[in-house]
Structures are given as structure tokens and as C-alpha cells.
Amino acid sequence: MTAVRGRLFYGWIVVFASAWIYAISARLTISFGVFVKPLAQHFGWLRSEVTVAFALLMVLTGLMSIPAGLAVDRVGPRRATLMGASCLGLGLFGVSRIETLWEFYFFFSLCGGLGVAFLFVPLTATVPRWFVRFRGLALGILFAAGGIGGMILSPLIQHWITNHGWRASFAIVGVGAIMVILPAALLLRKEPADMGLQPLGEAALGNASGPHAGAPGAEDHGLTVPEAVRSTTFWVYNLSVILMFCGIMMAQIHMVPYATDVGITASAAALALGLASACNAVGRLAMGAASDWIGTKSALCLSMVLAAMALFGLTAVRQPSMLYGVAAVLGFAYGGVMPQGPKILGGLFGMQFLGGIMGVSAVFTVLGPALGPLVAALIYDRLGSYHIAFLTGGVLILVGVALVLSLDLSTRLPASCGAKSRQTVQPGGRGRVG
């Protein structure tokens, strides 16, 4: 890694501490799919009733992302993530004691949503502040950790469910979340200035070149949250992300139930989910780094097209080998889209108020993960099949691709909120007013 004055640049410590936290927190909730059937069978609930919990978690995560983003800007990521870890751990452990549906929604959705918001937003808003050069790689490492965590946790949780039951599994992951996240949170720092440093590569601004859509511009100034929200680009981009995640999360959450419905064993289905997470890690790292070379728009669109292909292919799955292939493509594609969002938002609107901007963006972007799995469950409860759901999800993703292609990600408004003037960002360097 890059050293500063003969020492390891502290930004890399922030990256790996954030990655450790993200590996645990993100995958504990995304592994929700392995719990759908056990909960439905134990309580006699419909799959749509179980999936409502995940939809509520996503909505509440979005709603709480605004205060989470503001908290990062005001008190820093350490305090925010400490609160998030406590809420997430309490929520997951609380699920192990539930007896009613509303208790499930309270602990998993409300407590879990609060916890995820105060973990995800601080991490994704903090890492970009430390880098100008290697920003895509740093974000790729952060998001790749989520894939690695899922590769390990999804099969492990399925093993615990099979051998110890779903209650013990929730208790284990709840206590474990607190124990492993809190120490890493203490290593986080808001920005390089807190330690008398500059973002890595800031001194070289203006010297780099390449097709970096969404590359950072003037790092010291940025749009305020209201200024960013007033831009058309903000809304078109977020609509594309809503559609994208609506489709992707249909498959992510319902892959295991669908696989067992077509005769594939639960252990093989959980292994496929773990494989998807492993490829997710590869996609996050590969496409995060690739965005530094081919541009953020190209990396995002390529990943989205692959995701749509995976959903179409999922409808033909009947054997474990087919499931593994589709899971690998889906995982890589899902991973590929993740590093692009913070880079796009930071490049378009600047770093100064990125926490708040990402918080507002998250309110809208979680609608996809909230609605997609729920719509898929409702279609299943109505038709007894996921086929129409997966086909619909693939089409929605392709519509999202069209929206992304319509955006100009190489420009951003200056801090003065120039509706009258725009700043063209040179790839990897400072912009010029045009």
C-alpha cells in the first residue's frame, strides 16, 4: 500500500477497518434469504409476510440514512458506527426471542434498519474522503468485503439453522455482530485533516488522465444537500438505482427459496448464495478498480446488464450446476454496481457534504431493495412461481441501464450551485468552468 513519509497511509487502515465492519453487517441482513422458509414454516406465515420484514428494514434504513449521514458530517464515523453496531446486534438477537409477526418486524426491521443505516452510510461516506487517487480501488475493497462476508456467513448460517435452529442462529449473529464490529469502529477517522494529512493523490490533481466519469473535482468544496437534491441528475440517477436494486434483490433474497422449490437441496442453495457472495467480492474489487480506467458509467452499465442476464437465466435453473453459474454471474454483477454509487455522488457533488447527500440518496435507493423482494413474494403467493417476478426484475434493470446512459457523469455543479454555470471535471483532476 502507499506510504506517506515512510509510513503506511492511514487511509488504508480506514479502508480495511471499514471493510471488516461492512463484511459482517451487510451480509447478516443480505443473508436473510436463508431464513425465509424456516420462519414461514415455523409460524405458518406467508412468504410475503416474512419478506415484508426485509422491505421494512430497507425503508427504515433509507429513512434513517439522513440522520446517519448528518451524524457522520457532524460527529464523525466512529460514534455513528458504534451506535449502528449496538442497534443491529440488539435487533438480530431480539429476533431469536420472537413469538409474533409484529415482534419480528420490530426487532429485525426497526432495530436492524437503524443499525444498518448507521453502519452503511458512515462507511461509504468516509472512505472516499481519504482518496483522490485509488478512490475506485478503495471503494472496491470496501464493498468486496461484503461479498467475502457473505461467502462465509450464508453457508455458515444455513449450517447453524440445520443443526441448531433459526432461533440459535439469530442469537449467535446478534452477539457476534457487536463483538466483531466495535473494535474496528474505534479505528475510523472522518477525514485526513483529522490527522494532519491530505487525501491520497491530492497533490497530483490535474496531472492524471483517463476516462473517469464521476472523477473527483475540487475536493475542498462541494454542493450542500439542498443544492444536490435540486439537480435533475440526482433524481435520474437515483431512479436508475431503484430499478436496478428492485431486480437484483428479487433474486438475492428469493434465490434459496426458489432453488428448493425446484428440487435443489437447501444446503446446495445456500452454497450457491455463498458462491454469489464470493463472486460479489470479486465484482466489487474488479469493477471498483476498473472504474478508474474505463469510467464509472461504463462499469455501472456493464454490471447492470450482467445482472439482468442473470435474472433471465434464473428462470431456467433446475440443477445445482445451473444455479451455481447463475449465482456467480449475479454475484459478480451485484458486486460490480456497489462501488460506483459513492464515486458518482462524490464526483458530481463534491466531498464536503457527501455524508448528507448519500443519506438523502439512500432514502430513495432503498426503495428498490424494499419493493423488489416483496413484489417477488407477492407474485409467488399469487401464482406459486417466481418466474414472472424474475423476468420483470430483469426488464426493470435494463430500463435502469437506459437511464444511466442518458446521464452526463463528467460534469458537476460548482459549490456556488451554479444553475447558470457548470464545472467540467477533468478525469482524475480539477475541473474547469465551462
Protein backbone atom coordinates (compact mmCIF):
# COMPACT_ATOMS: atom_id res chain seq x y z
CA MET A 1 0.00 0.00 0.00
CA THR A 2 1.01 3.60 -0.42
CA ALA A 3 3.07 5.12 2.38
CA VAL A 4 3.30 8.74 3.41
CA ARG A 5 6.63 9.94 4.82
CA GLY A 6 7.79 6.34 5.10
CA ARG A 7 4.66 5.19 6.92
CA LEU A 8 1.52 3.40 5.82
CA PHE A 9 -1.06 5.96 4.73
CA TYR A 10 -3.77 5.88 7.41
CA GLY A 11 -6.48 5.91 4.75
CA TRP A 12 -5.74 2.25 4.07
CA ILE A 13 -6.32 1.46 7.74
CA VAL A 14 -9.67 3.25 7.45
CA VAL A 15 -10.43 1.18 4.34
CA PHE A 16 -9.70 -2.17 5.97
CA ALA A 17 -11.44 -1.30 9.25
CA SER A 18 -14.48 -0.22 7.23
CA ALA A 19 -14.27 -3.37 5.13
CA TRP A 20 -14.24 -5.56 8.25
CA ILE A 21 -17.34 -3.82 9.59
CA TYR A 22 -19.10 -4.00 6.25
CA ALA A 23 -18.26 -7.68 5.78
CA ILE A 24 -20.18 -8.52 8.94
CA SER A 25 -23.03 -6.01 8.98
CA ALA A 26 -24.06 -6.08 5.32
CA ARG A 27 -24.07 -9.83 4.91
CA LEU A 28 -26.01 -10.54 8.10
CA THR A 29 -29.00 -8.78 6.58
CA ILE A 30 -28.45 -9.84 2.94
CA SER A 31 -28.30 -13.49 4.12
CA PHE A 32 -31.96 -13.04 5.07
CA GLY A 33 -32.97 -15.41 2.27
CA VAL A 34 -31.85 -18.48 4.23
CA PHE A 35 -34.36 -17.59 6.97
CA VAL A 36 -37.43 -17.13 4.74
CA LYS A 37 -38.58 -20.76 4.60
CA PRO A 38 -37.71 -21.69 8.22
CA LEU A 39 -39.67 -18.72 9.59
CA ALA A 40 -42.63 -19.27 7.25
CA GLN A 41 -42.81 -22.97 8.14
CA HIS A 42 -42.36 -22.46 11.89
CA PHE A 43 -45.07 -19.81 12.31
CA GLY A 44 -47.28 -20.66 9.33
CA TRP A 45 -46.69 -17.23 7.79
CA LEU A 46 -46.90 -16.47 4.08
CA ARG A 47 -43.58 -15.81 2.37
CA SER A 48 -44.79 -12.32 1.57
CA GLU A 49 -45.41 -11.71 5.30
CA VAL A 50 -41.87 -12.80 6.09
CA THR A 51 -40.44 -10.73 3.25
CA VAL A 52 -42.27 -7.62 4.48
CA ALA A 53 -39.69 -7.57 7.28
CA PHE A 54 -36.88 -7.14 4.77
CA ALA A 55 -38.86 -4.50 2.88
CA LEU A 56 -39.45 -2.56 6.10
CA LEU A 57 -35.77 -2.90 7.01
CA MET A 58 -34.81 -1.33 3.68
CA VAL A 59 -37.34 1.50 4.03
CA LEU A 60 -36.28 2.26 7.60
CA THR A 61 -32.64 2.08 6.56
CA GLY A 62 -33.37 4.73 3.96
CA LEU A 63 -35.30 6.95 6.35
CA MET A 64 -32.58 6.74 8.98
CA SER A 65 -29.85 7.32 6.41
CA ILE A 66 -30.47 11.07 6.51
CA PRO A 67 -29.71 11.40 10.25
CA ALA A 68 -26.90 8.87 9.80
CA GLY A 69 -25.32 10.97 7.06
CA LEU A 70 -25.70 14.15 9.08
CA ALA A 71 -24.18 12.37 12.08
CA VAL A 72 -21.09 11.49 10.04
CA ASP A 73 -20.65 15.09 8.93
CA ARG A 74 -21.08 16.39 12.49
CA VAL A 75 -19.68 13.84 14.96
CA GLY A 76 -17.64 11.54 12.73
CA PRO A 77 -17.90 7.87 11.73
CA ARG A 78 -16.73 6.31 15.00
CA ARG A 79 -19.70 7.39 17.10
CA ALA A 80 -22.13 6.67 14.28
CA THR A 81 -20.88 3.12 13.72
CA LEU A 82 -20.79 2.36 17.45
CA MET A 83 -24.48 3.23 17.61
CA GLY A 84 -25.20 1.21 14.47
CA ALA A 85 -23.44 -1.90 15.76
CA SER A 86 -25.38 -1.77 19.02
CA CYS A 87 -28.74 -1.44 17.26
CA LEU A 88 -28.01 -4.18 14.72
CA GLY A 89 -26.79 -6.62 17.37
CA LEU A 90 -29.80 -5.94 19.60
CA GLY A 91 -32.20 -6.38 16.69
CA LEU A 92 -30.76 -9.69 15.49
CA PHE A 93 -30.59 -11.12 18.99
CA GLY A 94 -34.14 -9.94 19.65
CA VAL A 95 -35.43 -11.96 16.69
CA SER A 96 -34.29 -15.11 18.49
CA ARG A 97 -36.94 -14.44 21.16
CA ILE A 98 -39.93 -13.52 18.95
CA GLU A 99 -43.35 -15.18 19.06
CA THR A 100 -45.42 -12.85 16.88
CA LEU A 101 -45.10 -11.18 13.49
CA TRP A 102 -45.04 -7.65 14.91
CA GLU A 103 -42.15 -8.60 17.19
CA PHE A 104 -40.28 -9.85 14.14
CA TYR A 105 -40.88 -6.54 12.37
CA PHE A 106 -39.82 -4.55 15.44
CA PHE A 107 -36.52 -6.31 16.06
CA PHE A 108 -35.45 -7.17 12.52
CA SER A 109 -36.89 -4.22 10.62
CA LEU A 110 -36.83 -1.30 13.06
CA CYS A 111 -33.74 -2.10 15.13
CA GLY A 112 -31.97 -3.69 12.17
CA GLY A 113 -32.80 -0.81 9.84
CA LEU A 114 -31.48 1.73 12.31
CA GLY A 115 -28.32 -0.32 12.74
CA VAL A 116 -27.67 -0.81 9.03
CA ALA A 117 -28.16 2.90 8.29
CA PHE A 118 -25.68 3.95 10.98
CA LEU A 119 -23.15 1.45 9.62
CA PHE A 120 -23.52 1.65 5.84
CA VAL A 121 -23.71 5.44 5.42
CA PRO A 122 -20.73 6.27 7.68
CA LEU A 123 -18.51 3.72 5.93
CA THR A 124 -19.38 4.70 2.36
CA ALA A 125 -19.19 8.42 3.17
CA THR A 126 -15.85 8.16 5.00
CA VAL A 127 -13.69 6.06 2.68
CA PRO A 128 -13.94 8.41 -0.37
CA ARG A 129 -12.75 11.36 1.74
CA TRP A 130 -9.33 9.74 2.14
CA PHE A 131 -8.57 9.22 -1.55
CA VAL A 132 -8.33 11.10 -4.81
CA ARG A 133 -6.04 8.60 -6.47
CA PHE A 134 -7.16 4.98 -5.99
CA ARG A 135 -10.64 6.04 -4.88
CA GLY A 136 -12.26 3.36 -7.03
CA LEU A 137 -9.89 0.71 -5.67
CA ALA A 138 -10.52 1.79 -2.07
CA LEU A 139 -14.29 1.57 -2.56
CA GLY A 140 -13.84 -1.75 -4.35
CA ILE A 141 -12.01 -3.15 -1.33
CA LEU A 142 -14.71 -1.85 1.00
CA PHE A 143 -17.56 -3.40 -0.94
CA ALA A 144 -15.64 -6.58 -1.78
CA ALA A 145 -15.57 -7.30 1.93
CA GLY A 146 -19.34 -7.63 1.85
CA GLY A 147 -19.03 -10.40 -0.72
CA ILE A 148 -16.36 -12.19 1.29
CA GLY A 149 -18.52 -11.95 4.39
CA GLY A 150 -21.48 -13.42 2.55
CA MET A 151 -19.37 -16.23 1.09
CA ILE A 152 -18.62 -17.33 4.65
CA LEU A 153 -21.78 -16.33 6.51
CA SER A 154 -24.54 -17.62 4.21
CA PRO A 155 -23.47 -21.31 4.26
CA LEU A 156 -22.45 -20.98 7.92
CA ILE A 157 -25.83 -19.59 8.94
CA GLN A 158 -27.59 -22.34 6.95
CA HIS A 159 -25.45 -24.88 8.83
CA TRP A 160 -26.47 -23.34 12.16
CA ILE A 161 -30.15 -23.36 11.14
CA THR A 162 -29.97 -27.02 10.12
CA ASN A 163 -28.18 -28.14 13.28
CA HIS A 164 -29.31 -25.67 15.95
CA GLY A 165 -32.45 -23.98 14.62
CA TRP A 166 -33.19 -20.46 13.45
CA ARG A 167 -33.51 -19.03 16.98
CA ALA A 168 -30.00 -20.01 17.99
CA SER A 169 -28.70 -18.75 14.65
CA PHE A 170 -30.17 -15.27 15.17
CA ALA A 171 -28.78 -15.17 18.72
CA ILE A 172 -25.30 -16.09 17.51
CA VAL A 173 -25.19 -13.50 14.74
CA GLY A 174 -26.61 -10.79 17.01
CA VAL A 175 -24.00 -11.20 19.73
CA GLY A 176 -21.26 -11.81 17.17
CA ALA A 177 -22.06 -8.59 15.30
CA ILE A 178 -21.41 -6.45 18.36
CA MET A 179 -18.24 -8.30 19.33
CA VAL A 180 -16.52 -8.03 15.95
CA ILE A 181 -17.69 -4.57 14.83
CA LEU A 182 -16.97 -2.44 17.91
CA PRO A 183 -13.14 -2.84 17.93
CA ALA A 184 -12.87 -1.96 14.23
CA ALA A 185 -15.09 1.11 14.67
CA LEU A 186 -12.53 2.62 17.04
CA LEU A 187 -10.01 2.83 14.16
CA LEU A 188 -12.19 5.05 11.97
CA ARG A 189 -11.36 8.71 11.35
CA LYS A 190 -13.58 11.12 9.45
CA GLU A 191 -11.02 12.65 7.07
CA PRO A 192 -7.26 13.07 6.55
CA ALA A 193 -7.26 16.56 8.06
CA ASP A 194 -8.08 14.99 11.44
CA MET A 195 -4.57 13.52 11.38
CA GLY A 196 -2.77 16.35 9.63
CA LEU A 197 -2.83 14.54 6.27
CA GLN A 198 -4.15 15.18 2.77
CA PRO A 199 -6.26 12.79 0.69
CA LEU A 200 -4.02 10.35 -1.14
CA GLY A 201 -3.21 11.77 -4.58
CA GLU A 202 -4.49 15.30 -3.94
CA ALA A 203 -1.09 16.82 -4.70
CA ALA A 204 -1.18 15.21 -8.14
CA LEU A 205 -4.57 16.63 -9.13
CA GLY A 206 -4.61 17.86 -12.66
CA ASN A 207 -1.82 15.54 -13.82
CA ALA A 208 -3.81 12.34 -14.33
CA SER A 209 -5.82 11.39 -17.37
CA GLY A 210 -8.28 8.71 -18.30
CA PRO A 211 -11.96 8.11 -18.88
CA HIS A 212 -13.09 8.62 -15.29
CA ALA A 213 -16.70 9.56 -15.30
CA GLY A 214 -17.61 10.87 -11.92
CA ALA A 215 -14.00 11.61 -11.04
CA PRO A 216 -13.37 13.89 -8.12
CA GLY A 217 -13.21 17.55 -8.77
CA ALA A 218 -12.42 20.30 -6.32
CA GLU A 219 -12.16 18.34 -3.12
CA ASP A 220 -12.30 21.26 -0.69
CA HIS A 221 -15.75 22.44 -1.75
CA GLY A 222 -18.95 20.72 -2.67
CA LEU A 223 -22.65 21.22 -3.06
CA THR A 224 -24.83 21.35 0.02
CA VAL A 225 -27.56 18.74 0.40
CA PRO A 226 -30.37 21.06 -0.82
CA GLU A 227 -28.26 22.11 -3.83
CA ALA A 228 -27.61 18.50 -4.80
CA VAL A 229 -31.25 17.48 -4.39
CA ARG A 230 -32.37 20.28 -6.71
CA SER A 231 -30.39 18.83 -9.62
CA THR A 232 -32.09 16.67 -12.25
CA THR A 233 -29.08 14.36 -12.33
CA PHE A 234 -29.64 13.43 -8.67
CA TRP A 235 -33.17 12.23 -9.38
CA VAL A 236 -32.49 10.40 -12.64
CA TYR A 237 -29.52 8.59 -11.13
CA ASN A 238 -31.50 7.53 -8.06
CA LEU A 239 -34.40 6.30 -10.18
CA SER A 240 -31.99 4.09 -12.13
CA VAL A 241 -30.65 2.68 -8.87
CA ILE A 242 -34.16 1.98 -7.57
CA LEU A 243 -34.96 -0.07 -10.68
CA MET A 244 -31.60 -1.83 -10.59
CA PHE A 245 -31.85 -2.95 -6.97
CA CYS A 246 -35.51 -3.88 -7.35
CA GLY A 247 -34.46 -6.54 -9.84
CA ILE A 248 -31.22 -7.64 -8.19
CA MET A 249 -32.74 -8.06 -4.74
CA MET A 250 -35.61 -10.14 -6.10
CA ALA A 251 -33.03 -12.79 -6.96
CA GLN A 252 -30.76 -12.19 -3.97
CA ILE A 253 -33.49 -12.74 -1.37
CA HIS A 254 -35.52 -15.41 -3.15
CA MET A 255 -32.75 -17.48 -4.73
CA VAL A 256 -32.68 -20.00 -1.89
CA PRO A 257 -36.48 -20.48 -1.62
CA TYR A 258 -36.75 -20.72 -5.43
CA ALA A 259 -33.97 -23.28 -5.64
CA THR A 260 -35.53 -25.52 -3.01
CA ASP A 261 -38.91 -25.18 -4.73
CA VAL A 262 -37.46 -26.68 -7.94
CA GLY A 263 -35.91 -29.62 -6.08
CA ILE A 264 -32.43 -28.37 -5.19
CA THR A 265 -31.38 -29.11 -1.61
CA ALA A 266 -31.22 -26.33 0.99
CA SER A 267 -27.50 -26.90 1.51
CA ALA A 268 -26.80 -26.61 -2.24
CA ALA A 269 -28.95 -23.48 -2.43
CA ALA A 270 -27.10 -21.91 0.50
CA LEU A 271 -23.81 -22.84 -1.16
CA ALA A 272 -24.99 -21.02 -4.30
CA LEU A 273 -25.76 -17.96 -2.19
CA GLY A 274 -22.27 -18.21 -0.74
CA LEU A 275 -20.82 -18.52 -4.26
CA ALA A 276 -22.77 -15.42 -5.28
CA SER A 277 -21.20 -13.60 -2.36
CA ALA A 278 -17.72 -14.77 -3.34
CA CYS A 279 -18.22 -13.53 -6.89
CA ASN A 280 -19.79 -10.42 -5.40
CA ALA A 281 -16.46 -9.72 -3.72
CA VAL A 282 -14.60 -10.24 -6.99
CA GLY A 283 -17.04 -7.95 -8.81
CA ARG A 284 -16.74 -5.18 -6.23
CA LEU A 285 -12.97 -5.23 -6.31
CA ALA A 286 -12.63 -5.73 -10.07
CA MET A 287 -15.24 -3.19 -11.14
CA GLY A 288 -14.18 -0.73 -8.46
CA ALA A 289 -10.66 -0.75 -9.88
CA ALA A 290 -11.94 -0.93 -13.48
CA SER A 291 -13.96 2.25 -12.98
CA ASP A 292 -10.66 4.09 -12.52
CA TRP A 293 -9.77 3.06 -16.09
CA ILE A 294 -12.93 2.60 -18.17
CA GLY A 295 -15.08 5.15 -16.37
CA THR A 296 -17.81 4.87 -13.78
CA LYS A 297 -20.69 4.91 -16.27
CA SER A 298 -19.24 2.04 -18.31
CA ALA A 299 -18.52 -0.03 -15.20
CA LEU A 300 -22.02 0.54 -13.85
CA CYS A 301 -23.83 -0.24 -17.11
CA LEU A 302 -21.81 -3.39 -17.75
CA SER A 303 -22.61 -4.68 -14.27
CA MET A 304 -26.31 -3.90 -14.66
CA VAL A 305 -26.56 -5.75 -18.00
CA LEU A 306 -24.93 -8.82 -16.44
CA ALA A 307 -27.43 -8.66 -13.57
CA ALA A 308 -30.37 -8.61 -16.00
CA MET A 309 -28.94 -11.64 -17.82
CA ALA A 310 -28.65 -13.48 -14.50
CA LEU A 311 -32.31 -12.89 -13.66
CA PHE A 312 -33.42 -14.13 -17.06
CA GLY A 313 -31.21 -17.19 -16.65
CA LEU A 314 -32.52 -17.94 -13.18
CA THR A 315 -35.92 -18.89 -14.61
CA ALA A 316 -34.28 -21.85 -16.41
CA VAL A 317 -32.47 -23.24 -13.36
CA ARG A 318 -33.31 -26.85 -12.50
CA GLN A 319 -29.96 -28.34 -11.47
CA PRO A 320 -27.34 -27.23 -8.91
CA SER A 321 -24.75 -26.68 -11.65
CA MET A 322 -27.06 -24.23 -13.43
CA LEU A 323 -27.80 -22.49 -10.15
CA TYR A 324 -24.10 -22.06 -9.41
CA GLY A 325 -23.49 -20.49 -12.83
CA VAL A 326 -26.34 -18.01 -12.48
CA ALA A 327 -25.35 -17.23 -8.89
CA ALA A 328 -21.79 -16.48 -9.99
CA VAL A 329 -22.93 -14.02 -12.67
CA LEU A 330 -25.48 -12.40 -10.36
CA GLY A 331 -22.94 -12.06 -7.58
CA PHE A 332 -20.30 -10.50 -9.84
CA ALA A 333 -22.84 -8.07 -11.29
CA TYR A 334 -24.27 -7.11 -7.90
CA GLY A 335 -20.76 -6.54 -6.64
CA GLY A 336 -19.86 -4.50 -9.70
CA VAL A 337 -22.54 -1.88 -9.14
CA MET A 338 -21.76 -1.25 -5.48
CA PRO A 339 -18.53 0.82 -5.67
CA GLN A 340 -19.95 3.12 -8.33
CA GLY A 341 -22.55 5.00 -6.26
CA PRO A 342 -20.27 6.79 -3.77
CA LYS A 343 -17.85 7.59 -6.57
CA ILE A 344 -20.59 9.03 -8.77
CA LEU A 345 -22.14 11.11 -5.99
CA GLY A 346 -18.77 12.34 -4.75
CA GLY A 347 -17.66 13.23 -8.26
CA LEU A 348 -20.88 15.04 -9.15
CA PHE A 349 -21.48 16.90 -5.91
CA GLY A 350 -18.13 17.03 -4.10
CA MET A 351 -16.84 15.59 -0.83
CA GLN A 352 -17.70 18.31 1.66
CA PHE A 353 -21.30 17.26 2.33
CA LEU A 354 -21.12 13.74 0.91
CA GLY A 355 -22.45 12.12 4.09
CA GLY A 356 -25.68 14.11 3.97
CA ILE A 357 -26.06 13.70 0.21
CA MET A 358 -25.61 9.93 0.46
CA GLY A 359 -28.09 9.88 3.32
CA VAL A 360 -30.77 11.56 1.22
CA SER A 361 -29.91 9.37 -1.77
CA ALA A 362 -30.27 6.26 0.36
CA VAL A 363 -33.86 7.20 1.23
CA PHE A 364 -34.77 6.71 -2.41
CA THR A 365 -32.37 3.98 -3.43
CA VAL A 366 -33.55 1.58 -0.70
CA LEU A 367 -36.97 1.55 -2.33
CA GLY A 368 -35.60 -0.96 -4.83
CA PRO A 369 -34.37 -3.48 -2.24
CA ALA A 370 -37.57 -2.88 -0.28
CA LEU A 371 -40.03 -3.36 -3.13
CA GLY A 372 -38.25 -5.98 -5.24
CA PRO A 373 -38.26 -8.92 -2.80
CA LEU A 374 -41.76 -8.05 -1.58
CA VAL A 375 -43.17 -7.93 -5.11
CA ALA A 376 -41.49 -11.26 -5.88
CA ALA A 377 -43.03 -12.81 -2.75
CA LEU A 378 -46.48 -11.47 -3.60
CA ILE A 379 -46.18 -12.89 -7.13
CA TYR A 380 -45.16 -16.25 -5.66
CA ASP A 381 -48.07 -16.27 -3.19
CA ARG A 382 -50.44 -15.47 -6.06
CA LEU A 383 -49.03 -17.68 -8.84
CA GLY A 384 -46.99 -20.28 -6.97
CA SER A 385 -43.93 -19.42 -9.09
CA TYR A 386 -41.12 -16.88 -9.20
CA HIS A 387 -40.72 -16.89 -13.00
CA ILE A 388 -42.75 -13.76 -13.75
CA ALA A 389 -41.03 -11.96 -10.89
CA PHE A 390 -37.53 -12.70 -12.17
CA LEU A 391 -38.41 -11.76 -15.77
CA THR A 392 -39.90 -8.49 -14.55
CA GLY A 393 -36.81 -7.80 -12.48
CA GLY A 394 -34.54 -8.25 -15.50
CA VAL A 395 -36.60 -5.80 -17.56
CA LEU A 396 -36.52 -3.20 -14.77
CA ILE A 397 -32.73 -3.40 -14.64
CA LEU A 398 -32.48 -2.79 -18.39
CA VAL A 399 -34.69 0.29 -18.04
CA GLY A 400 -32.26 1.45 -15.37
CA VAL A 401 -29.39 0.99 -17.82
CA ALA A 402 -31.14 3.30 -20.28
CA LEU A 403 -31.48 5.96 -17.58
CA VAL A 404 -27.79 5.75 -16.66
CA LEU A 405 -26.80 6.08 -20.32
CA SER A 406 -28.84 9.29 -20.50
CA LEU A 407 -26.77 10.94 -17.74
CA ASP A 408 -23.72 13.15 -18.19
CA LEU A 409 -21.48 11.98 -15.35
CA SER A 410 -18.49 14.07 -16.43
CA THR A 411 -19.88 17.36 -15.08
CA ARG A 412 -20.92 18.74 -11.74
CA LEU A 413 -22.27 21.98 -10.33
CA PRO A 414 -19.74 24.20 -8.52
CA ALA A 415 -20.17 24.86 -4.81
CA SER A 416 -21.90 28.15 -5.59
CA CYS A 417 -24.71 25.99 -7.01
CA GLY A 418 -24.40 27.40 -10.45
CA ALA A 419 -27.57 26.57 -12.13
CA LYS A 420 -26.10 29.09 -14.55
CA SER A 421 -22.67 27.50 -14.91
CA ARG A 422 -21.26 24.03 -14.71
CA GLN A 423 -17.82 22.71 -13.91
CA THR A 424 -16.41 20.11 -16.27
CA VAL A 425 -14.38 17.58 -14.35
CA GLN A 426 -11.16 16.50 -15.93
CA PRO A 427 -10.55 12.79 -15.40
CA GLY A 428 -8.69 12.43 -12.15
CA GLY A 429 -8.15 16.17 -11.84
CA ARG A 430 -9.69 19.55 -11.03
CA GLY A 431 -12.49 20.83 -13.18
CA ARG A 432 -12.74 23.87 -15.34
CA VAL A 433 -15.71 26.18 -15.52
CA GLY A 434 -17.45 25.94 -18.83
